[in-house]
Amino acid sequence: MDAKELKQRYSHGERDFNNADLREADLSWTNLSEINLEKANLREANLKGATLERANLQGADLQGANLYGATLRGANLSEANLFGANMTGAFTIATNLMGAILPDGTKN
């Protein structure tokens, strides 16, 4: 699946994209509130400025992803792999990072 297909399906009300392969997808500045991306492959994805409020990213692979300025309020990133991700300026109030691998490689 590519970014265009995900955006189209999301705009038509679909929210369940668990296990989706979105490597290197450009989802910058996209509103994806309440999306389910559990165990999705988002390696090197561009999520700059994206809105992911209350999104489920449990177990997602976000290695090297760009989350600069993304809104992750209330998102579930438990067990996610964020190694090497850019989270500068990301809004992470009430974000669940339990068991996640953080950008510096440490486990939360």
C-alpha atoms as a PDB file:
ATOM      1  CA  MET A   1       0.000   0.000   0.000  1.00  0.00           C
ATOM      2  CA  ASP A   2       1.249   3.489  -0.743  1.00  0.00           C
ATOM      3  CA  ALA A   3       0.461   6.820   0.921  1.00  0.00           C
ATOM      4  CA  LYS A   4      -2.094   7.791  -1.729  1.00  0.00           C
ATOM      5  CA  GLU A   5      -4.131   4.617  -1.208  1.00  0.00           C
ATOM      6  CA  LEU A   6      -4.022   4.951   2.585  1.00  0.00           C
ATOM      7  CA  LYS A   7      -5.167   8.585   2.445  1.00  0.00           C
ATOM      8  CA  GLN A   8      -8.009   7.701   0.076  1.00  0.00           C
ATOM      9  CA  ARG A   9      -9.236   4.779   2.190  1.00  0.00           C
ATOM     10  CA  TYR A  10      -8.911   6.854   5.379  1.00  0.00           C
ATOM     11  CA  SER A  11     -10.931   9.692   3.830  1.00  0.00           C
ATOM     12  CA  HIS A  12     -13.703   7.166   3.109  1.00  0.00           C
ATOM     13  CA  GLY A  13     -13.869   6.198   6.795  1.00  0.00           C
ATOM     14  CA  GLU A  14     -11.555   3.193   6.963  1.00  0.00           C
ATOM     15  CA  ARG A  15      -9.375   3.199  10.088  1.00  0.00           C
ATOM     16  CA  ASP A  16      -7.932  -0.326  10.337  1.00  0.00           C
ATOM     17  CA  PHE A  17      -4.554  -0.619   8.634  1.00  0.00           C
ATOM     18  CA  ASN A  18      -2.806  -3.063  10.962  1.00  0.00           C
ATOM     19  CA  ASN A  19       0.257  -4.746   9.446  1.00  0.00           C
ATOM     20  CA  ALA A  20       0.263  -2.246   6.549  1.00  0.00           C
ATOM     21  CA  ASP A  21       3.532  -1.859   4.650  1.00  0.00           C
ATOM     22  CA  LEU A  22       4.120   1.883   4.404  1.00  0.00           C
ATOM     23  CA  ARG A  23       7.909   1.956   4.175  1.00  0.00           C
ATOM     24  CA  GLU A  24       9.151   5.374   3.042  1.00  0.00           C
ATOM     25  CA  ALA A  25       5.553   6.636   2.639  1.00  0.00           C
ATOM     26  CA  ASP A  26       5.073  10.399   2.606  1.00  0.00           C
ATOM     27  CA  LEU A  27       2.288  11.066   5.097  1.00  0.00           C
ATOM     28  CA  SER A  28       3.517  14.517   6.076  1.00  0.00           C
ATOM     29  CA  TRP A  29       0.878  16.966   7.290  1.00  0.00           C
ATOM     30  CA  THR A  30      -1.821  14.272   7.065  1.00  0.00           C
ATOM     31  CA  ASN A  31      -4.605  13.924   9.639  1.00  0.00           C
ATOM     32  CA  LEU A  32      -4.677  10.267  10.702  1.00  0.00           C
ATOM     33  CA  SER A  33      -6.438  10.619  14.059  1.00  0.00           C
ATOM     34  CA  GLU A  34      -7.731   7.352  15.547  1.00  0.00           C
ATOM     35  CA  ILE A  35      -6.089   5.228  12.844  1.00  0.00           C
ATOM     36  CA  ASN A  36      -5.042   1.661  13.639  1.00  0.00           C
ATOM     37  CA  LEU A  37      -1.496   1.055  12.404  1.00  0.00           C
ATOM     38  CA  GLU A  38      -0.719  -1.758  14.825  1.00  0.00           C
ATOM     39  CA  LYS A  39       2.411  -3.640  13.724  1.00  0.00           C
ATOM     40  CA  ALA A  40       2.621  -1.519  10.561  1.00  0.00           C
ATOM     41  CA  ASN A  41       5.935  -1.062   8.770  1.00  0.00           C
ATOM     42  CA  LEU A  42       6.602   2.681   8.738  1.00  0.00           C
ATOM     43  CA  ARG A  43      10.385   2.544   8.373  1.00  0.00           C
ATOM     44  CA  GLU A  44      11.758   5.803   6.983  1.00  0.00           C
ATOM     45  CA  ALA A  45       8.187   7.146   6.588  1.00  0.00           C
ATOM     46  CA  ASN A  46       7.726  10.910   6.512  1.00  0.00           C
ATOM     47  CA  LEU A  47       5.170  11.801   9.188  1.00  0.00           C
ATOM     48  CA  LYS A  48       6.354  15.391   9.617  1.00  0.00           C
ATOM     49  CA  GLY A  49       3.537  17.471  11.082  1.00  0.00           C
ATOM     50  CA  ALA A  50       1.086  14.562  10.863  1.00  0.00           C
ATOM     51  CA  THR A  51      -1.825  14.375  13.300  1.00  0.00           C
ATOM     52  CA  LEU A  52      -1.942  10.954  14.946  1.00  0.00           C
ATOM     53  CA  GLU A  53      -4.135  11.719  17.957  1.00  0.00           C
ATOM     54  CA  ARG A  54      -5.411   8.567  19.672  1.00  0.00           C
ATOM     55  CA  ALA A  55      -3.769   6.466  16.934  1.00  0.00           C
ATOM     56  CA  ASN A  56      -2.831   2.848  17.620  1.00  0.00           C
ATOM     57  CA  LEU A  57       0.799   2.298  16.627  1.00  0.00           C
ATOM     58  CA  GLN A  58       1.392  -0.600  19.007  1.00  0.00           C
ATOM     59  CA  GLY A  59       4.315  -2.694  17.809  1.00  0.00           C
ATOM     60  CA  ALA A  60       4.792  -0.526  14.704  1.00  0.00           C
ATOM     61  CA  ASP A  61       8.232  -0.262  13.093  1.00  0.00           C
ATOM     62  CA  LEU A  62       9.061   3.444  12.893  1.00  0.00           C
ATOM     63  CA  GLN A  63      12.835   3.102  12.536  1.00  0.00           C
ATOM     64  CA  GLY A  64      14.255   6.202  10.921  1.00  0.00           C
ATOM     65  CA  ALA A  65      10.805   7.779  10.524  1.00  0.00           C
ATOM     66  CA  ASN A  66      10.445  11.556  10.492  1.00  0.00           C
ATOM     67  CA  LEU A  67       7.944  12.532  13.209  1.00  0.00           C
ATOM     68  CA  TYR A  68       9.134  16.133  13.419  1.00  0.00           C
ATOM     69  CA  GLY A  69       6.305  18.228  14.843  1.00  0.00           C
ATOM     70  CA  ALA A  70       3.816  15.351  14.707  1.00  0.00           C
ATOM     71  CA  THR A  71       0.868  15.339  17.105  1.00  0.00           C
ATOM     72  CA  LEU A  72       0.793  12.040  19.001  1.00  0.00           C
ATOM     73  CA  ARG A  73      -1.523  13.066  21.857  1.00  0.00           C
ATOM     74  CA  GLY A  74      -3.144   9.974  23.355  1.00  0.00           C
ATOM     75  CA  ALA A  75      -1.469   7.671  20.823  1.00  0.00           C
ATOM     76  CA  ASN A  76      -0.441   4.113  21.691  1.00  0.00           C
ATOM     77  CA  LEU A  77       3.185   3.494  20.730  1.00  0.00           C
ATOM     78  CA  SER A  78       3.728   0.637  23.178  1.00  0.00           C
ATOM     79  CA  GLU A  79       6.293  -1.879  21.907  1.00  0.00           C
ATOM     80  CA  ALA A  80       6.939   0.329  18.842  1.00  0.00           C
ATOM     81  CA  ASN A  81      10.444   0.616  17.400  1.00  0.00           C
ATOM     82  CA  LEU A  82      11.416   4.290  17.151  1.00  0.00           C
ATOM     83  CA  PHE A  83      15.168   3.729  16.783  1.00  0.00           C
ATOM     84  CA  GLY A  84      16.668   6.572  14.785  1.00  0.00           C
ATOM     85  CA  ALA A  85      13.317   8.355  14.427  1.00  0.00           C
ATOM     86  CA  ASN A  86      13.253  12.157  14.462  1.00  0.00           C
ATOM     87  CA  MET A  87      10.775  13.180  17.158  1.00  0.00           C
ATOM     88  CA  THR A  88      11.925  16.778  17.491  1.00  0.00           C
ATOM     89  CA  GLY A  89       8.961  18.936  18.443  1.00  0.00           C
ATOM     90  CA  ALA A  90       6.544  16.000  18.496  1.00  0.00           C
ATOM     91  CA  PHE A  91       3.552  16.567  20.786  1.00  0.00           C
ATOM     92  CA  THR A  92       3.474  13.483  23.029  1.00  0.00           C
ATOM     93  CA  ILE A  93       1.072  14.332  25.885  1.00  0.00           C
ATOM     94  CA  ALA A  94      -0.610  11.143  27.213  1.00  0.00           C
ATOM     95  CA  THR A  95       1.281   9.032  24.652  1.00  0.00           C
ATOM     96  CA  ASN A  96       1.864   5.404  25.686  1.00  0.00           C
ATOM     97  CA  LEU A  97       5.512   4.475  25.072  1.00  0.00           C
ATOM     98  CA  MET A  98       5.615   1.444  27.392  1.00  0.00           C
ATOM     99  CA  GLY A  99       8.113  -1.091  26.085  1.00  0.00           C
ATOM    100  CA  ALA A 100       8.966   1.049  23.057  1.00  0.00           C
ATOM    101  CA  ILE A 101      12.491   1.298  21.670  1.00  0.00           C
ATOM    102  CA  LEU A 102      13.234   5.011  21.798  1.00  0.00           C
ATOM    103  CA  PRO A 103      15.102   7.001  19.113  1.00  0.00           C
ATOM    104  CA  ASP A 104      18.412   6.615  20.977  1.00  0.00           C
ATOM    105  CA  GLY A 105      18.015   2.828  21.115  1.00  0.00           C
ATOM    106  CA  THR A 106      17.055   2.563  24.790  1.00  0.00           C
ATOM    107  CA  LYS A 107      13.970   0.598  25.763  1.00  0.00           C
ATOM    108  CA  ASN A 108      11.315   2.452  27.721  1.00  0.00           C
END
